[in-house]
Amino acid sequence: MKDRYVNYKDLSRHEQVGKDYSIHLHFRSPQLGVFSIHGGGIETGTSELALAIAGRDWSCYLFSGDKPRGNHRLHLTSTRFDEPLAILLANQCERILALHGAAGDEEKVYVGGLDETWRQHIKKCLAQQGFAAIDPPPRLGGREPENIVNRGRRKQGVQLELTSGLRRTFFQGSGLAGRKRPTPRFYTFVNAVREAISTLSQP
């Protein structure tokens, strides 16, 4: 997907916060920030996943497309995502976990990012619950230093890219109303990721 805007400043000149998109930040712990920078109608399901994974334990950031249609125009590539509150939270967190949506009808989650130890740990926890957690292709690797996922204090995080096919199994419908009704599989995924976070040695 080619971005319509070059950065957040460019986007904010043409799109209205509170109408076309919304930003939510919850600071709870400097150990981890869970990010969905393509939430709402941009990459559907990622906002709901980020909120559920963060719960009441970890910090959370959401950038959500709220248009009735055409939310793809709000997409800013992770390496150019520079919304000020996102950068502020990233700078305060040791680690970042980023949730994204990928294309594809197969039920897969690509586990990328520069934190190799944590990446392998999350892959293992997801696989134990029956999810196809695999290494990403280079374009979804999340290995660029300027990617928001690697802009925490450790300068390395983990990026989860969930295919459309997998995300469809998490909700009882593809629209906003459906996404308010998660399936048991949604909670299985969330709990597997939360277990991986909780059992990983903290700094």
C-alpha atoms as a PDB file:
ATOM      1  CA  MET A   1       0.000   0.000   0.000  1.00  0.00           C
ATOM      2  CA  LYS A   2       1.417   3.382  -1.028  1.00  0.00           C
ATOM      3  CA  ASP A   3       0.894   6.072   1.590  1.00  0.00           C
ATOM      4  CA  ARG A   4      -1.158   9.094   0.636  1.00  0.00           C
ATOM      5  CA  TYR A   5       0.696  11.292   3.161  1.00  0.00           C
ATOM      6  CA  VAL A   6       4.428  11.574   3.821  1.00  0.00           C
ATOM      7  CA  ASN A   7       4.172  11.980   7.612  1.00  0.00           C
ATOM      8  CA  TYR A   8       1.744  12.855  10.396  1.00  0.00           C
ATOM      9  CA  LYS A   9       2.034  16.608   9.874  1.00  0.00           C
ATOM     10  CA  ASP A  10       0.997  16.140   6.256  1.00  0.00           C
ATOM     11  CA  LEU A  11      -1.891  13.862   7.264  1.00  0.00           C
ATOM     12  CA  SER A  12      -3.167  16.262   9.935  1.00  0.00           C
ATOM     13  CA  ARG A  13      -3.425  19.079   7.388  1.00  0.00           C
ATOM     14  CA  HIS A  14      -5.970  17.124   5.366  1.00  0.00           C
ATOM     15  CA  GLU A  15      -7.717  14.897   7.910  1.00  0.00           C
ATOM     16  CA  GLN A  16      -9.611  15.948  11.035  1.00  0.00           C
ATOM     17  CA  VAL A  17      -8.802  14.393  14.397  1.00  0.00           C
ATOM     18  CA  GLY A  18     -11.981  13.436  16.225  1.00  0.00           C
ATOM     19  CA  LYS A  19     -13.815  12.948  12.946  1.00  0.00           C
ATOM     20  CA  ASP A  20     -11.626  11.111  10.421  1.00  0.00           C
ATOM     21  CA  TYR A  21      -9.315   9.525  12.979  1.00  0.00           C
ATOM     22  CA  SER A  22      -8.730   9.313  16.724  1.00  0.00           C
ATOM     23  CA  ILE A  23      -5.703   8.905  18.964  1.00  0.00           C
ATOM     24  CA  HIS A  24      -5.744   7.174  22.352  1.00  0.00           C
ATOM     25  CA  LEU A  25      -2.836   6.803  24.752  1.00  0.00           C
ATOM     26  CA  HIS A  26      -2.920   4.957  28.065  1.00  0.00           C
ATOM     27  CA  PHE A  27       0.304   5.087  30.101  1.00  0.00           C
ATOM     28  CA  ARG A  28       0.438   2.310  32.671  1.00  0.00           C
ATOM     29  CA  SER A  29       3.953   0.875  32.681  1.00  0.00           C
ATOM     30  CA  PRO A  30       7.313   1.918  31.223  1.00  0.00           C
ATOM     31  CA  GLN A  31       8.216  -1.737  30.693  1.00  0.00           C
ATOM     32  CA  LEU A  32       6.003  -2.214  27.630  1.00  0.00           C
ATOM     33  CA  GLY A  33       3.940  -0.222  25.160  1.00  0.00           C
ATOM     34  CA  VAL A  34       1.427  -2.058  22.959  1.00  0.00           C
ATOM     35  CA  PHE A  35       0.862  -0.113  19.730  1.00  0.00           C
ATOM     36  CA  SER A  36      -1.758  -0.204  16.988  1.00  0.00           C
ATOM     37  CA  ILE A  37      -0.863   2.579  14.565  1.00  0.00           C
ATOM     38  CA  HIS A  38      -3.224   1.280  11.848  1.00  0.00           C
ATOM     39  CA  GLY A  39      -6.264   0.695  14.016  1.00  0.00           C
ATOM     40  CA  GLY A  40      -9.973   1.207  13.559  1.00  0.00           C
ATOM     41  CA  GLY A  41     -10.901   0.828   9.918  1.00  0.00           C
ATOM     42  CA  ILE A  42      -7.325   0.967   8.590  1.00  0.00           C
ATOM     43  CA  GLU A  43      -6.234  -2.586   9.492  1.00  0.00           C
ATOM     44  CA  THR A  44      -9.334  -3.930  11.190  1.00  0.00           C
ATOM     45  CA  GLY A  45      -9.056  -5.765  14.479  1.00  0.00           C
ATOM     46  CA  THR A  46      -5.670  -4.393  15.490  1.00  0.00           C
ATOM     47  CA  SER A  47      -7.076  -1.782  17.912  1.00  0.00           C
ATOM     48  CA  GLU A  48      -9.139  -4.399  19.704  1.00  0.00           C
ATOM     49  CA  LEU A  49      -6.148  -6.731  19.947  1.00  0.00           C
ATOM     50  CA  ALA A  50      -3.837  -4.021  21.275  1.00  0.00           C
ATOM     51  CA  LEU A  51      -6.305  -2.942  23.960  1.00  0.00           C
ATOM     52  CA  ALA A  52      -6.935  -6.528  25.078  1.00  0.00           C
ATOM     53  CA  ILE A  53      -3.246  -7.444  25.169  1.00  0.00           C
ATOM     54  CA  ALA A  54      -2.305  -4.313  27.124  1.00  0.00           C
ATOM     55  CA  GLY A  55      -5.215  -4.758  29.542  1.00  0.00           C
ATOM     56  CA  ARG A  56      -4.650  -2.884  32.785  1.00  0.00           C
ATOM     57  CA  ASP A  57      -1.002  -3.891  32.970  1.00  0.00           C
ATOM     58  CA  TRP A  58       0.850  -2.243  30.097  1.00  0.00           C
ATOM     59  CA  SER A  59       0.801   1.017  28.211  1.00  0.00           C
ATOM     60  CA  CYS A  60      -1.185   1.251  24.993  1.00  0.00           C
ATOM     61  CA  TYR A  61      -1.297   3.544  21.961  1.00  0.00           C
ATOM     62  CA  LEU A  62      -3.988   3.541  19.259  1.00  0.00           C
ATOM     63  CA  PHE A  63      -4.217   5.497  16.028  1.00  0.00           C
ATOM     64  CA  SER A  64      -7.610   4.582  14.597  1.00  0.00           C
ATOM     65  CA  GLY A  65      -9.301   5.340  11.295  1.00  0.00           C
ATOM     66  CA  ASP A  66     -12.881   6.427  11.947  1.00  0.00           C
ATOM     67  CA  LYS A  67     -14.133   7.185   8.433  1.00  0.00           C
ATOM     68  CA  PRO A  68     -17.293   5.458   7.178  1.00  0.00           C
ATOM     69  CA  ARG A  69     -15.152   4.283   4.244  1.00  0.00           C
ATOM     70  CA  GLY A  70     -11.725   4.912   2.728  1.00  0.00           C
ATOM     71  CA  ASN A  71      -9.715   4.543   5.919  1.00  0.00           C
ATOM     72  CA  HIS A  72      -6.758   3.207   3.925  1.00  0.00           C
ATOM     73  CA  ARG A  73      -5.857   6.816   3.106  1.00  0.00           C
ATOM     74  CA  LEU A  74      -4.909   7.253   6.801  1.00  0.00           C
ATOM     75  CA  HIS A  75      -2.189   4.594   6.591  1.00  0.00           C
ATOM     76  CA  LEU A  76       1.302   5.836   7.462  1.00  0.00           C
ATOM     77  CA  THR A  77       4.089   3.297   7.033  1.00  0.00           C
ATOM     78  CA  SER A  78       5.689   2.270  10.328  1.00  0.00           C
ATOM     79  CA  THR A  79       9.045   3.754   9.355  1.00  0.00           C
ATOM     80  CA  ARG A  80       7.432   7.160   8.808  1.00  0.00           C
ATOM     81  CA  PHE A  81       4.890   7.121  11.622  1.00  0.00           C
ATOM     82  CA  ASP A  82       5.816  10.177  13.672  1.00  0.00           C
ATOM     83  CA  GLU A  83       2.623  11.217  15.451  1.00  0.00           C
ATOM     84  CA  PRO A  84       3.937  13.111  18.541  1.00  0.00           C
ATOM     85  CA  LEU A  85       2.097  11.140  21.244  1.00  0.00           C
ATOM     86  CA  ALA A  86       3.279   7.859  19.726  1.00  0.00           C
ATOM     87  CA  ILE A  87       6.886   9.049  19.783  1.00  0.00           C
ATOM     88  CA  LEU A  88       6.456  10.320  23.355  1.00  0.00           C
ATOM     89  CA  LEU A  89       5.212   6.948  24.567  1.00  0.00           C
ATOM     90  CA  ALA A  90       7.802   5.004  22.584  1.00  0.00           C
ATOM     91  CA  ASN A  91      10.601   7.022  24.176  1.00  0.00           C
ATOM     92  CA  GLN A  92       9.303   6.138  27.644  1.00  0.00           C
ATOM     93  CA  CYS A  93       8.902   2.367  27.107  1.00  0.00           C
ATOM     94  CA  GLU A  94      11.586  -0.271  27.386  1.00  0.00           C
ATOM     95  CA  ARG A  95       9.927  -2.532  24.827  1.00  0.00           C
ATOM     96  CA  ILE A  96       7.273  -2.080  22.158  1.00  0.00           C
ATOM     97  CA  LEU A  97       4.852  -4.655  20.774  1.00  0.00           C
ATOM     98  CA  ALA A  98       3.158  -3.509  17.544  1.00  0.00           C
ATOM     99  CA  LEU A  99      -0.001  -5.060  16.077  1.00  0.00           C
ATOM    100  CA  HIS A 100      -0.597  -4.861  12.313  1.00  0.00           C
ATOM    101  CA  GLY A 101      -2.854  -6.368   9.681  1.00  0.00           C
ATOM    102  CA  ALA A 102      -1.425  -8.223   6.692  1.00  0.00           C
ATOM    103  CA  ALA A 103      -3.118  -9.447   3.523  1.00  0.00           C
ATOM    104  CA  GLY A 104      -3.896 -13.120   2.947  1.00  0.00           C
ATOM    105  CA  ASP A 105      -6.681 -15.614   3.556  1.00  0.00           C
ATOM    106  CA  GLU A 106      -4.431 -18.164   5.262  1.00  0.00           C
ATOM    107  CA  GLU A 107      -4.547 -17.964   9.061  1.00  0.00           C
ATOM    108  CA  LYS A 108      -1.028 -16.786   9.888  1.00  0.00           C
ATOM    109  CA  VAL A 109       0.766 -14.336  12.127  1.00  0.00           C
ATOM    110  CA  TYR A 110       4.166 -13.059  11.038  1.00  0.00           C
ATOM    111  CA  VAL A 111       6.418 -12.350  14.016  1.00  0.00           C
ATOM    112  CA  GLY A 112       9.069  -9.751  13.240  1.00  0.00           C
ATOM    113  CA  GLY A 113      11.091  -7.018  14.927  1.00  0.00           C
ATOM    114  CA  LEU A 114      14.655  -6.581  16.138  1.00  0.00           C
ATOM    115  CA  ASP A 115      14.241  -8.205  19.568  1.00  0.00           C
ATOM    116  CA  GLU A 116      15.249 -11.718  18.579  1.00  0.00           C
ATOM    117  CA  THR A 117      14.922 -13.311  22.024  1.00  0.00           C
ATOM    118  CA  TRP A 118      11.456 -11.931  22.630  1.00  0.00           C
ATOM    119  CA  ARG A 119      10.412 -12.677  19.044  1.00  0.00           C
ATOM    120  CA  GLN A 120      11.231 -16.365  19.402  1.00  0.00           C
ATOM    121  CA  HIS A 121       9.510 -16.503  22.787  1.00  0.00           C
ATOM    122  CA  ILE A 122       6.268 -15.061  21.401  1.00  0.00           C
ATOM    123  CA  LYS A 123       6.419 -17.427  18.419  1.00  0.00           C
ATOM    124  CA  LYS A 124       6.727 -20.367  20.800  1.00  0.00           C
ATOM    125  CA  CYS A 125       3.808 -19.269  23.006  1.00  0.00           C
ATOM    126  CA  LEU A 126       1.560 -18.712  19.990  1.00  0.00           C
ATOM    127  CA  ALA A 127       2.521 -22.032  18.406  1.00  0.00           C
ATOM    128  CA  GLN A 128       1.690 -23.844  21.653  1.00  0.00           C
ATOM    129  CA  GLN A 129      -1.865 -22.533  21.292  1.00  0.00           C
ATOM    130  CA  GLY A 130      -2.178 -23.736  17.711  1.00  0.00           C
ATOM    131  CA  PHE A 131      -1.389 -20.527  15.815  1.00  0.00           C
ATOM    132  CA  ALA A 132       0.794 -20.530  12.718  1.00  0.00           C
ATOM    133  CA  ALA A 133       3.409 -18.065  14.023  1.00  0.00           C
ATOM    134  CA  ILE A 134       6.131 -17.761  11.413  1.00  0.00           C
ATOM    135  CA  ASP A 135       9.037 -15.598  10.327  1.00  0.00           C
ATOM    136  CA  PRO A 136       7.937 -12.696   8.124  1.00  0.00           C
ATOM    137  CA  PRO A 137       8.980 -11.901   4.565  1.00  0.00           C
ATOM    138  CA  PRO A 138      11.467  -9.005   4.413  1.00  0.00           C
ATOM    139  CA  ARG A 139       8.801  -6.388   3.663  1.00  0.00           C
ATOM    140  CA  LEU A 140       7.008  -7.278   6.921  1.00  0.00           C
ATOM    141  CA  GLY A 141      10.137  -7.879   8.948  1.00  0.00           C
ATOM    142  CA  GLY A 142       9.954  -4.803  11.183  1.00  0.00           C
ATOM    143  CA  ARG A 143      13.735  -4.620  11.272  1.00  0.00           C
ATOM    144  CA  GLU A 144      14.293  -0.974  10.338  1.00  0.00           C
ATOM    145  CA  PRO A 145      15.655   1.110  13.248  1.00  0.00           C
ATOM    146  CA  GLU A 146      13.261   3.940  12.347  1.00  0.00           C
ATOM    147  CA  ASN A 147      10.219   1.628  12.546  1.00  0.00           C
ATOM    148  CA  ILE A 148       8.066   2.709  15.504  1.00  0.00           C
ATOM    149  CA  VAL A 149       8.347  -0.810  16.964  1.00  0.00           C
ATOM    150  CA  ASN A 150      12.102  -0.333  17.394  1.00  0.00           C
ATOM    151  CA  ARG A 151      11.946   3.157  18.887  1.00  0.00           C
ATOM    152  CA  GLY A 152      11.592   2.136  22.524  1.00  0.00           C
ATOM    153  CA  ARG A 153      14.489   2.568  24.959  1.00  0.00           C
ATOM    154  CA  ARG A 154      15.903  -0.822  23.990  1.00  0.00           C
ATOM    155  CA  LYS A 155      15.759   0.154  20.305  1.00  0.00           C
ATOM    156  CA  GLN A 156      14.256  -3.243  19.503  1.00  0.00           C
ATOM    157  CA  GLY A 157      10.740  -4.605  19.704  1.00  0.00           C
ATOM    158  CA  VAL A 158       8.379  -7.203  18.244  1.00  0.00           C
ATOM    159  CA  GLN A 159       5.934  -6.671  15.372  1.00  0.00           C
ATOM    160  CA  LEU A 160       2.950  -8.982  14.850  1.00  0.00           C
ATOM    161  CA  GLU A 161       1.406  -8.955  11.366  1.00  0.00           C
ATOM    162  CA  LEU A 162      -1.881 -10.872  11.368  1.00  0.00           C
ATOM    163  CA  THR A 163      -3.398 -11.924   8.067  1.00  0.00           C
ATOM    164  CA  SER A 164      -6.950 -11.018   7.135  1.00  0.00           C
ATOM    165  CA  GLY A 165      -7.851 -14.696   7.342  1.00  0.00           C
ATOM    166  CA  LEU A 166      -6.681 -14.941  10.945  1.00  0.00           C
ATOM    167  CA  ARG A 167      -8.310 -11.697  12.034  1.00  0.00           C
ATOM    168  CA  ARG A 168     -11.650 -12.822  10.593  1.00  0.00           C
ATOM    169  CA  THR A 169     -11.675 -15.743  13.052  1.00  0.00           C
ATOM    170  CA  PHE A 170     -11.396 -13.316  15.973  1.00  0.00           C
ATOM    171  CA  PHE A 171     -14.711 -11.496  15.531  1.00  0.00           C
ATOM    172  CA  GLN A 172     -18.343 -12.293  14.813  1.00  0.00           C
ATOM    173  CA  GLY A 173     -18.420  -9.846  11.916  1.00  0.00           C
ATOM    174  CA  SER A 174     -16.117  -7.640   9.865  1.00  0.00           C
ATOM    175  CA  GLY A 175     -17.854  -4.330  10.635  1.00  0.00           C
ATOM    176  CA  LEU A 176     -17.609  -2.215  13.766  1.00  0.00           C
ATOM    177  CA  ALA A 177     -20.508  -4.044  15.421  1.00  0.00           C
ATOM    178  CA  GLY A 178     -18.911  -7.412  14.694  1.00  0.00           C
ATOM    179  CA  ARG A 179     -15.582  -6.311  16.135  1.00  0.00           C
ATOM    180  CA  LYS A 180     -17.325  -5.572  19.427  1.00  0.00           C
ATOM    181  CA  ARG A 181     -18.104  -9.292  19.690  1.00  0.00           C
ATOM    182  CA  PRO A 182     -14.813 -11.216  19.915  1.00  0.00           C
ATOM    183  CA  THR A 183     -14.746 -14.987  19.500  1.00  0.00           C
ATOM    184  CA  PRO A 184     -13.063 -17.449  21.899  1.00  0.00           C
ATOM    185  CA  ARG A 185     -10.167 -17.638  19.422  1.00  0.00           C
ATOM    186  CA  PHE A 186      -9.542 -13.920  19.939  1.00  0.00           C
ATOM    187  CA  TYR A 187      -9.062 -14.491  23.659  1.00  0.00           C
ATOM    188  CA  THR A 188      -6.849 -17.513  23.068  1.00  0.00           C
ATOM    189  CA  PHE A 189      -4.541 -15.339  20.960  1.00  0.00           C
ATOM    190  CA  VAL A 190      -4.573 -12.477  23.447  1.00  0.00           C
ATOM    191  CA  ASN A 191      -3.826 -14.764  26.393  1.00  0.00           C
ATOM    192  CA  ALA A 192      -0.955 -16.452  24.530  1.00  0.00           C
ATOM    193  CA  VAL A 193       0.676 -13.092  23.845  1.00  0.00           C
ATOM    194  CA  ARG A 194       0.088 -11.898  27.416  1.00  0.00           C
ATOM    195  CA  GLU A 195       1.669 -15.087  28.730  1.00  0.00           C
ATOM    196  CA  ALA A 196       4.701 -14.485  26.525  1.00  0.00           C
ATOM    197  CA  ILE A 197       5.022 -10.963  27.906  1.00  0.00           C
ATOM    198  CA  SER A 198       4.548 -11.997  31.540  1.00  0.00           C
ATOM    199  CA  THR A 199       7.017 -14.872  31.480  1.00  0.00           C
ATOM    200  CA  LEU A 200       9.780 -12.962  29.707  1.00  0.00           C
ATOM    201  CA  SER A 201      12.443 -11.669  32.075  1.00  0.00           C
ATOM    202  CA  GLN A 202      12.064  -7.951  32.501  1.00  0.00           C
ATOM    203  CA  PRO A 203      15.061  -5.573  32.614  1.00  0.00           C
END
